[in-house]
Amino acid sequence: MTLALILFAVAAVGGLVLALQRFTGKPTPSLPLALVHGLVAASGLVALIVFVANDGGVTAAKVALVLLVAAALGGFFLFSRHLKKIALPIPIIVVHALVALAGFVTLLIGALH
């Protein structure tokens, strides 16, 4: 679970930079950073899936997994628009971030208990 937490924390930093780029008026933030953000977050998801599958995981890890998969779906939508060079919708960015944050906090709480 620790590896997943670290990977999601790194992905969150990249996501924050991407969001700040968009909020300051750039229609499509840095594509290389978006790729790294997505790959690190996907690696976190894989680590979490392995943890839940092997250990059975605590309930918090399972809830976090559902939330983080939902966030990933939002990320896929945003990335598809990014590749088409269409301005990323700020409301979707905010929802994506909030769902990912809820998943991360849920996972962190599970790790601390």
N, C-alpha and C. Protein backbone atom coordinates (compact mmCIF):
# COMPACT_ATOMS: atom_id res chain seq x y z
N MET A 1 0.83 -1.19 0.00
CA MET A 1 0.00 0.00 0.00
C MET A 1 0.88 1.25 0.00
N THR A 2 2.05 1.14 0.61
CA THR A 2 2.96 2.29 0.67
C THR A 2 3.41 2.73 -0.71
N LEU A 3 3.72 1.77 -1.57
CA LEU A 3 4.14 2.11 -2.93
C LEU A 3 3.04 2.86 -3.66
N ALA A 4 1.81 2.39 -3.53
CA ALA A 4 0.68 3.07 -4.17
C ALA A 4 0.55 4.50 -3.65
N LEU A 5 0.67 4.68 -2.35
CA LEU A 5 0.58 6.03 -1.77
C LEU A 5 1.66 6.95 -2.33
N ILE A 6 2.88 6.46 -2.42
CA ILE A 6 3.98 7.27 -2.94
C ILE A 6 3.71 7.65 -4.40
N LEU A 7 3.32 6.68 -5.19
CA LEU A 7 3.05 6.94 -6.60
C LEU A 7 1.90 7.95 -6.77
N PHE A 8 0.84 7.79 -5.99
CA PHE A 8 -0.27 8.74 -6.10
C PHE A 8 0.13 10.13 -5.62
N ALA A 9 0.99 10.21 -4.63
CA ALA A 9 1.46 11.52 -4.16
C ALA A 9 2.27 12.22 -5.26
N VAL A 10 3.13 11.47 -5.93
CA VAL A 10 3.91 12.04 -7.03
C VAL A 10 2.98 12.47 -8.16
N ALA A 11 2.00 11.62 -8.49
CA ALA A 11 1.04 11.96 -9.54
C ALA A 11 0.25 13.22 -9.17
N ALA A 12 -0.05 13.37 -7.89
CA ALA A 12 -0.81 14.54 -7.44
C ALA A 12 -0.02 15.83 -7.66
N VAL A 13 1.27 15.78 -7.42
CA VAL A 13 2.10 16.97 -7.65
C VAL A 13 2.06 17.36 -9.13
N GLY A 14 2.22 16.37 -10.00
CA GLY A 14 2.13 16.64 -11.43
C GLY A 14 0.77 17.15 -11.83
N GLY A 15 -0.28 16.57 -11.25
CA GLY A 15 -1.63 17.01 -11.55
C GLY A 15 -1.88 18.43 -11.10
N LEU A 16 -1.32 18.80 -9.97
CA LEU A 16 -1.46 20.17 -9.48
C LEU A 16 -0.80 21.16 -10.43
N VAL A 17 0.38 20.82 -10.92
CA VAL A 17 1.07 21.69 -11.88
C VAL A 17 0.24 21.81 -13.16
N LEU A 18 -0.29 20.69 -13.65
CA LEU A 18 -1.12 20.71 -14.85
C LEU A 18 -2.36 21.58 -14.65
N ALA A 19 -3.01 21.41 -13.50
CA ALA A 19 -4.22 22.19 -13.21
C ALA A 19 -3.89 23.68 -13.14
N LEU A 20 -2.78 24.02 -12.50
CA LEU A 20 -2.39 25.43 -12.41
C LEU A 20 -2.12 26.01 -13.80
N GLN A 21 -1.51 25.22 -14.67
CA GLN A 21 -1.29 25.68 -16.05
C GLN A 21 -2.63 25.99 -16.72
N ARG A 22 -3.59 25.11 -16.54
CA ARG A 22 -4.90 25.31 -17.17
C ARG A 22 -5.64 26.49 -16.55
N PHE A 23 -5.58 26.60 -15.22
CA PHE A 23 -6.30 27.68 -14.53
C PHE A 23 -5.73 29.06 -14.87
N THR A 24 -4.47 29.10 -15.29
CA THR A 24 -3.87 30.39 -15.64
C THR A 24 -4.04 30.71 -17.12
N GLY A 25 -4.88 29.94 -17.81
CA GLY A 25 -5.26 30.31 -19.16
C GLY A 25 -4.71 29.46 -20.29
N LYS A 26 -3.85 28.51 -20.00
CA LYS A 26 -3.31 27.65 -21.05
C LYS A 26 -4.36 26.58 -21.37
N PRO A 27 -4.92 26.57 -22.60
CA PRO A 27 -6.00 25.62 -22.91
C PRO A 27 -5.62 24.16 -22.76
N THR A 28 -4.38 23.83 -23.17
CA THR A 28 -3.87 22.46 -23.00
C THR A 28 -2.50 22.53 -22.33
N PRO A 29 -2.42 22.07 -21.10
CA PRO A 29 -1.14 22.11 -20.36
C PRO A 29 -0.08 21.24 -21.02
N SER A 30 1.07 21.18 -20.40
CA SER A 30 2.22 20.44 -20.89
C SER A 30 1.88 18.97 -21.17
N LEU A 31 2.05 18.56 -22.45
CA LEU A 31 1.77 17.16 -22.81
C LEU A 31 2.76 16.20 -22.17
N PRO A 32 4.07 16.49 -22.16
CA PRO A 32 4.99 15.55 -21.49
C PRO A 32 4.64 15.36 -20.00
N LEU A 33 4.28 16.44 -19.31
CA LEU A 33 3.91 16.30 -17.90
C LEU A 33 2.62 15.51 -17.76
N ALA A 34 1.67 15.73 -18.68
CA ALA A 34 0.42 14.97 -18.64
C ALA A 34 0.69 13.47 -18.81
N LEU A 35 1.62 13.14 -19.70
CA LEU A 35 1.97 11.72 -19.90
C LEU A 35 2.59 11.12 -18.64
N VAL A 36 3.52 11.85 -18.03
CA VAL A 36 4.16 11.36 -16.80
C VAL A 36 3.13 11.23 -15.69
N HIS A 37 2.27 12.25 -15.55
CA HIS A 37 1.20 12.23 -14.54
C HIS A 37 0.34 10.98 -14.70
N GLY A 38 -0.08 10.72 -15.92
CA GLY A 38 -0.94 9.56 -16.17
C GLY A 38 -0.22 8.24 -15.94
N LEU A 39 1.03 8.15 -16.36
CA LEU A 39 1.77 6.90 -16.17
C LEU A 39 2.05 6.62 -14.70
N VAL A 40 2.39 7.65 -13.95
CA VAL A 40 2.64 7.45 -12.51
C VAL A 40 1.35 7.08 -11.80
N ALA A 41 0.24 7.76 -12.14
CA ALA A 41 -1.05 7.43 -11.52
C ALA A 41 -1.48 6.00 -11.89
N ALA A 42 -1.28 5.62 -13.16
CA ALA A 42 -1.62 4.26 -13.57
C ALA A 42 -0.77 3.23 -12.83
N SER A 43 0.49 3.55 -12.60
CA SER A 43 1.36 2.65 -11.83
C SER A 43 0.85 2.53 -10.39
N GLY A 44 0.38 3.64 -9.84
CA GLY A 44 -0.22 3.60 -8.51
C GLY A 44 -1.45 2.71 -8.46
N LEU A 45 -2.27 2.81 -9.52
CA LEU A 45 -3.45 1.95 -9.59
C LEU A 45 -3.06 0.48 -9.64
N VAL A 46 -2.07 0.17 -10.45
CA VAL A 46 -1.61 -1.23 -10.55
C VAL A 46 -1.10 -1.71 -9.19
N ALA A 47 -0.32 -0.89 -8.52
CA ALA A 47 0.20 -1.26 -7.19
C ALA A 47 -0.95 -1.48 -6.21
N LEU A 48 -1.96 -0.63 -6.28
CA LEU A 48 -3.10 -0.78 -5.38
C LEU A 48 -3.92 -2.02 -5.72
N ILE A 49 -4.10 -2.29 -7.00
CA ILE A 49 -4.84 -3.50 -7.41
C ILE A 49 -4.11 -4.75 -6.92
N VAL A 50 -2.80 -4.77 -7.07
CA VAL A 50 -2.00 -5.92 -6.61
C VAL A 50 -2.14 -6.07 -5.10
N PHE A 51 -2.08 -4.96 -4.38
CA PHE A 51 -2.23 -5.01 -2.92
C PHE A 51 -3.58 -5.58 -2.52
N VAL A 52 -4.64 -5.05 -3.12
CA VAL A 52 -6.00 -5.50 -2.78
C VAL A 52 -6.18 -6.96 -3.18
N ALA A 53 -5.67 -7.35 -4.34
CA ALA A 53 -5.84 -8.73 -4.82
C ALA A 53 -5.05 -9.73 -3.97
N ASN A 54 -3.86 -9.37 -3.55
CA ASN A 54 -3.02 -10.31 -2.79
C ASN A 54 -3.33 -10.36 -1.31
N ASP A 55 -3.62 -9.21 -0.76
CA ASP A 55 -3.79 -9.12 0.69
C ASP A 55 -5.26 -9.11 1.08
N GLY A 56 -6.10 -8.96 0.10
CA GLY A 56 -7.51 -8.78 0.42
C GLY A 56 -7.77 -7.31 0.72
N GLY A 57 -6.74 -6.63 1.17
CA GLY A 57 -6.84 -5.19 1.43
C GLY A 57 -7.84 -4.84 2.51
N VAL A 58 -7.56 -3.79 3.20
CA VAL A 58 -8.52 -3.27 4.17
C VAL A 58 -9.65 -2.62 3.39
N THR A 59 -10.77 -2.43 4.05
CA THR A 59 -11.93 -1.83 3.38
C THR A 59 -11.58 -0.48 2.78
N ALA A 60 -10.78 0.31 3.47
CA ALA A 60 -10.40 1.63 2.95
C ALA A 60 -9.66 1.50 1.62
N ALA A 61 -8.82 0.49 1.48
CA ALA A 61 -8.08 0.30 0.23
C ALA A 61 -9.03 -0.03 -0.91
N LYS A 62 -10.06 -0.81 -0.62
CA LYS A 62 -11.04 -1.16 -1.66
C LYS A 62 -11.86 0.06 -2.07
N VAL A 63 -12.27 0.86 -1.10
CA VAL A 63 -13.01 2.09 -1.40
C VAL A 63 -12.12 3.05 -2.18
N ALA A 64 -10.87 3.18 -1.76
CA ALA A 64 -9.92 4.04 -2.46
C ALA A 64 -9.74 3.58 -3.90
N LEU A 65 -9.68 2.28 -4.10
CA LEU A 65 -9.52 1.74 -5.45
C LEU A 65 -10.68 2.16 -6.35
N VAL A 66 -11.90 2.06 -5.85
CA VAL A 66 -13.07 2.47 -6.63
C VAL A 66 -12.99 3.95 -6.97
N LEU A 67 -12.65 4.77 -5.98
CA LEU A 67 -12.55 6.21 -6.22
C LEU A 67 -11.44 6.54 -7.22
N LEU A 68 -10.31 5.88 -7.10
CA LEU A 68 -9.18 6.17 -7.98
C LEU A 68 -9.42 5.66 -9.40
N VAL A 69 -10.17 4.59 -9.54
CA VAL A 69 -10.55 4.14 -10.89
C VAL A 69 -11.50 5.17 -11.51
N ALA A 70 -12.42 5.70 -10.72
CA ALA A 70 -13.31 6.75 -11.22
C ALA A 70 -12.51 7.98 -11.64
N ALA A 71 -11.51 8.35 -10.84
CA ALA A 71 -10.65 9.48 -11.20
C ALA A 71 -9.89 9.19 -12.49
N ALA A 72 -9.45 7.96 -12.65
CA ALA A 72 -8.73 7.58 -13.87
C ALA A 72 -9.61 7.72 -15.10
N LEU A 73 -10.88 7.38 -14.97
CA LEU A 73 -11.80 7.55 -16.10
C LEU A 73 -11.90 9.02 -16.50
N GLY A 74 -11.97 9.89 -15.50
CA GLY A 74 -11.95 11.32 -15.79
C GLY A 74 -10.64 11.74 -16.43
N GLY A 75 -9.55 11.16 -15.99
CA GLY A 75 -8.24 11.44 -16.57
C GLY A 75 -8.16 11.01 -18.03
N PHE A 76 -8.75 9.86 -18.35
CA PHE A 76 -8.77 9.40 -19.75
C PHE A 76 -9.54 10.39 -20.62
N PHE A 77 -10.67 10.88 -20.11
CA PHE A 77 -11.46 11.86 -20.85
C PHE A 77 -10.64 13.12 -21.10
N LEU A 78 -9.99 13.61 -20.05
CA LEU A 78 -9.18 14.82 -20.19
C LEU A 78 -8.03 14.60 -21.17
N PHE A 79 -7.39 13.45 -21.08
CA PHE A 79 -6.26 13.16 -21.96
C PHE A 79 -6.71 13.06 -23.42
N SER A 80 -7.89 12.49 -23.64
CA SER A 80 -8.39 12.39 -25.02
C SER A 80 -8.61 13.78 -25.62
N ARG A 81 -9.10 14.70 -24.82
CA ARG A 81 -9.28 16.08 -25.29
C ARG A 81 -7.92 16.75 -25.49
N HIS A 82 -7.00 16.44 -24.62
CA HIS A 82 -5.65 17.00 -24.72
C HIS A 82 -5.01 16.60 -26.05
N LEU A 83 -5.14 15.32 -26.41
CA LEU A 83 -4.55 14.83 -27.66
C LEU A 83 -5.18 15.49 -28.88
N LYS A 84 -6.45 15.87 -28.76
CA LYS A 84 -7.15 16.55 -29.87
C LYS A 84 -6.90 18.05 -29.86
N LYS A 85 -6.11 18.50 -28.88
CA LYS A 85 -5.80 19.92 -28.72
C LYS A 85 -7.06 20.76 -28.51
N ILE A 86 -7.99 20.19 -27.74
CA ILE A 86 -9.21 20.89 -27.35
C ILE A 86 -9.02 21.35 -25.91
N ALA A 87 -9.42 22.58 -25.64
CA ALA A 87 -9.26 23.14 -24.28
C ALA A 87 -9.88 22.20 -23.24
N LEU A 88 -9.13 21.95 -22.19
CA LEU A 88 -9.61 21.06 -21.14
C LEU A 88 -10.64 21.80 -20.29
N PRO A 89 -11.81 21.18 -20.08
CA PRO A 89 -12.86 21.84 -19.30
C PRO A 89 -12.49 21.90 -17.81
N ILE A 90 -12.45 23.10 -17.28
CA ILE A 90 -12.04 23.30 -15.89
C ILE A 90 -12.94 22.54 -14.91
N PRO A 91 -14.28 22.52 -15.09
CA PRO A 91 -15.10 21.75 -14.14
C PRO A 91 -14.72 20.27 -14.09
N ILE A 92 -14.37 19.68 -15.23
CA ILE A 92 -13.98 18.26 -15.24
C ILE A 92 -12.64 18.10 -14.54
N ILE A 93 -11.73 19.04 -14.73
CA ILE A 93 -10.44 18.99 -14.04
C ILE A 93 -10.67 19.01 -12.53
N VAL A 94 -11.56 19.88 -12.07
CA VAL A 94 -11.83 20.01 -10.64
C VAL A 94 -12.43 18.71 -10.09
N VAL A 95 -13.41 18.15 -10.80
CA VAL A 95 -14.03 16.89 -10.35
C VAL A 95 -13.00 15.77 -10.34
N HIS A 96 -12.19 15.68 -11.39
CA HIS A 96 -11.13 14.67 -11.47
C HIS A 96 -10.21 14.78 -10.25
N ALA A 97 -9.79 16.00 -9.95
CA ALA A 97 -8.88 16.21 -8.82
C ALA A 97 -9.53 15.88 -7.49
N LEU A 98 -10.78 16.28 -7.30
CA LEU A 98 -11.46 16.01 -6.03
C LEU A 98 -11.70 14.53 -5.80
N VAL A 99 -12.07 13.81 -6.85
CA VAL A 99 -12.27 12.36 -6.71
C VAL A 99 -10.94 11.67 -6.42
N ALA A 100 -9.89 12.09 -7.13
CA ALA A 100 -8.56 11.51 -6.86
C ALA A 100 -8.09 11.83 -5.45
N LEU A 101 -8.33 13.05 -5.01
CA LEU A 101 -7.95 13.43 -3.64
C LEU A 101 -8.72 12.60 -2.61
N ALA A 102 -10.01 12.39 -2.85
CA ALA A 102 -10.81 11.57 -1.94
C ALA A 102 -10.26 10.14 -1.88
N GLY A 103 -9.87 9.60 -3.04
CA GLY A 103 -9.28 8.26 -3.07
C GLY A 103 -7.96 8.21 -2.34
N PHE A 104 -7.13 9.22 -2.54
CA PHE A 104 -5.83 9.27 -1.88
C PHE A 104 -5.99 9.37 -0.36
N VAL A 105 -6.86 10.25 0.09
CA VAL A 105 -7.07 10.42 1.53
C VAL A 105 -7.64 9.15 2.14
N THR A 106 -8.56 8.51 1.43
CA THR A 106 -9.13 7.24 1.91
C THR A 106 -8.04 6.19 2.05
N LEU A 107 -7.17 6.11 1.06
CA LEU A 107 -6.07 5.15 1.12
C LEU A 107 -5.11 5.48 2.25
N LEU A 108 -4.81 6.75 2.43
CA LEU A 108 -3.91 7.18 3.51
C LEU A 108 -4.51 6.83 4.88
N ILE A 109 -5.79 7.07 5.06
CA ILE A 109 -6.45 6.74 6.33
C ILE A 109 -6.37 5.23 6.57
N GLY A 110 -6.61 4.46 5.51
CA GLY A 110 -6.50 3.00 5.65
C GLY A 110 -5.11 2.55 6.01
N ALA A 111 -4.10 3.23 5.48
CA ALA A 111 -2.72 2.86 5.77
C ALA A 111 -2.34 3.21 7.20
N LEU A 112 -2.94 4.25 7.73
CA LEU A 112 -2.60 4.70 9.08
C LEU A 112 -3.31 3.90 10.17
N HIS A 113 -4.32 3.16 9.79
CA HIS A 113 -5.07 2.39 10.80
C HIS A 113 -4.66 0.94 10.82
